């Protein structure tokens, strides 16, 4: 009987973890559709999250202290692909979220 309870608890915890994992920074509002006209792009540089101006993807505006390896897998994928950012306010919020 105790093993049955453990199985139910573990299954429930896994379901909760999967549900929470679906909420990534992609839900913040950037996404691929916003790429056109977005002034900034979060992208990887030297293993860290970097901010690029959309019109100069060769030279980062700034490289943050946020290690790509410290991010959730879904967030790493978004940054690896380049995450468009539409405003300085959105940029500040995303960097705060990634850094915490």
Protein backbone atom coordinates (compact mmCIF):
# COMPACT_ATOMS: atom_id res chain seq x y z
CA UNK A 1 0.00 0.00 0.00
CA UNK A 2 2.81 2.42 0.85
CA UNK A 3 4.47 1.87 -2.52
CA UNK A 4 1.16 2.72 -4.22
CA UNK A 5 1.03 6.05 -2.39
CA UNK A 6 4.65 6.76 -3.29
CA UNK A 7 3.87 6.05 -6.94
CA UNK A 8 0.89 8.44 -6.92
CA UNK A 9 2.92 11.18 -5.21
CA UNK A 10 5.87 10.77 -7.60
CA UNK A 11 3.60 10.74 -10.64
CA UNK A 12 1.86 13.89 -9.38
CA UNK A 13 5.17 15.66 -8.79
CA UNK A 14 6.40 14.75 -12.25
CA UNK A 15 3.17 16.05 -13.80
CA UNK A 16 3.53 19.32 -11.90
CA UNK A 17 7.18 19.66 -12.95
CA UNK A 18 6.33 19.09 -16.62
CA UNK A 19 3.52 21.64 -16.42
CA UNK A 20 5.79 24.25 -14.83
CA UNK A 21 8.55 23.55 -17.35
CA UNK A 22 6.24 24.59 -20.17
CA UNK A 23 6.19 28.12 -18.78
CA UNK A 24 9.42 29.57 -20.12
CA UNK A 25 10.54 33.01 -21.12
CA UNK A 26 8.89 32.35 -24.48
CA UNK A 27 5.60 33.00 -22.72
CA UNK A 28 6.84 36.49 -21.88
CA UNK A 29 5.81 37.74 -25.30
CA UNK A 30 8.89 37.81 -27.54
CA UNK A 31 8.77 34.80 -29.82
CA UNK A 32 9.74 34.41 -33.43
CA UNK A 33 6.83 36.48 -34.76
CA UNK A 34 8.26 39.56 -33.08
CA UNK A 35 11.64 39.17 -34.78
CA UNK A 36 10.83 41.64 -37.51
CA UNK A 37 11.45 45.11 -36.17
CA UNK A 38 12.69 44.01 -32.72
CA UNK A 39 15.57 46.32 -31.76
CA UNK A 40 17.40 43.74 -29.61
CA UNK A 41 18.25 40.07 -29.70
CA UNK A 42 19.30 37.91 -26.77
CA UNK A 43 21.88 35.47 -28.03
CA UNK A 44 24.88 33.50 -26.82
CA UNK A 45 28.40 34.89 -26.73
CA UNK A 46 31.26 33.02 -25.09
CA UNK A 47 28.89 30.80 -23.13
CA UNK A 48 27.00 33.76 -21.66
CA UNK A 49 23.74 35.48 -22.55
CA UNK A 50 24.50 38.57 -24.60
CA UNK A 51 22.46 41.49 -25.88
CA UNK A 52 22.84 42.31 -29.55
CA UNK A 53 21.42 45.19 -31.53
CA UNK A 54 19.24 43.66 -34.23
CA UNK A 55 21.19 45.55 -36.90
CA UNK A 56 24.62 44.28 -35.70
CA UNK A 57 24.71 40.58 -34.87
CA UNK A 58 28.51 40.41 -34.98
CA UNK A 59 29.25 42.60 -31.96
CA UNK A 60 27.24 42.31 -28.73
CA UNK A 61 26.10 45.52 -27.08
CA UNK A 62 26.79 43.80 -23.76
CA UNK A 63 27.65 40.33 -22.53
CA UNK A 64 25.92 39.48 -19.26
CA UNK A 65 27.21 37.38 -16.36
CA UNK A 66 24.38 34.90 -17.02
CA UNK A 67 25.88 31.55 -18.04
CA UNK A 68 23.92 29.74 -20.74
CA UNK A 69 24.62 26.48 -18.92
CA UNK A 70 22.75 27.76 -15.85
CA UNK A 71 19.48 28.19 -17.75
CA UNK A 72 16.65 25.72 -18.18
CA UNK A 73 16.89 23.68 -21.37
CA UNK A 74 13.94 25.48 -22.99
CA UNK A 75 15.47 28.89 -22.23
CA UNK A 76 18.88 27.75 -23.54
CA UNK A 77 17.19 26.78 -26.80
CA UNK A 78 15.51 30.17 -27.14
CA UNK A 79 18.78 32.02 -26.51
CA UNK A 80 20.71 29.69 -28.84
CA UNK A 81 18.23 30.51 -31.62
CA UNK A 82 18.24 34.22 -30.78
CA UNK A 83 15.38 35.70 -28.78
CA UNK A 84 13.99 38.96 -30.21
CA UNK A 85 13.29 41.69 -27.66
CA UNK A 86 10.94 44.55 -28.49
CA UNK A 87 11.86 47.20 -25.92
CA UNK A 88 14.32 48.18 -23.20
CA UNK A 89 11.66 47.39 -20.59
CA UNK A 90 11.19 43.88 -21.99
CA UNK A 91 14.98 43.46 -22.15
CA UNK A 92 15.36 44.43 -18.49
CA UNK A 93 12.59 42.04 -17.43
CA UNK A 94 13.98 39.12 -19.44
CA UNK A 95 17.49 39.62 -18.07
CA UNK A 96 16.11 39.79 -14.54
CA UNK A 97 14.13 36.59 -15.09
CA UNK A 98 17.09 34.77 -16.62
CA UNK A 99 19.45 35.92 -13.89
CA UNK A 100 17.30 34.70 -11.04
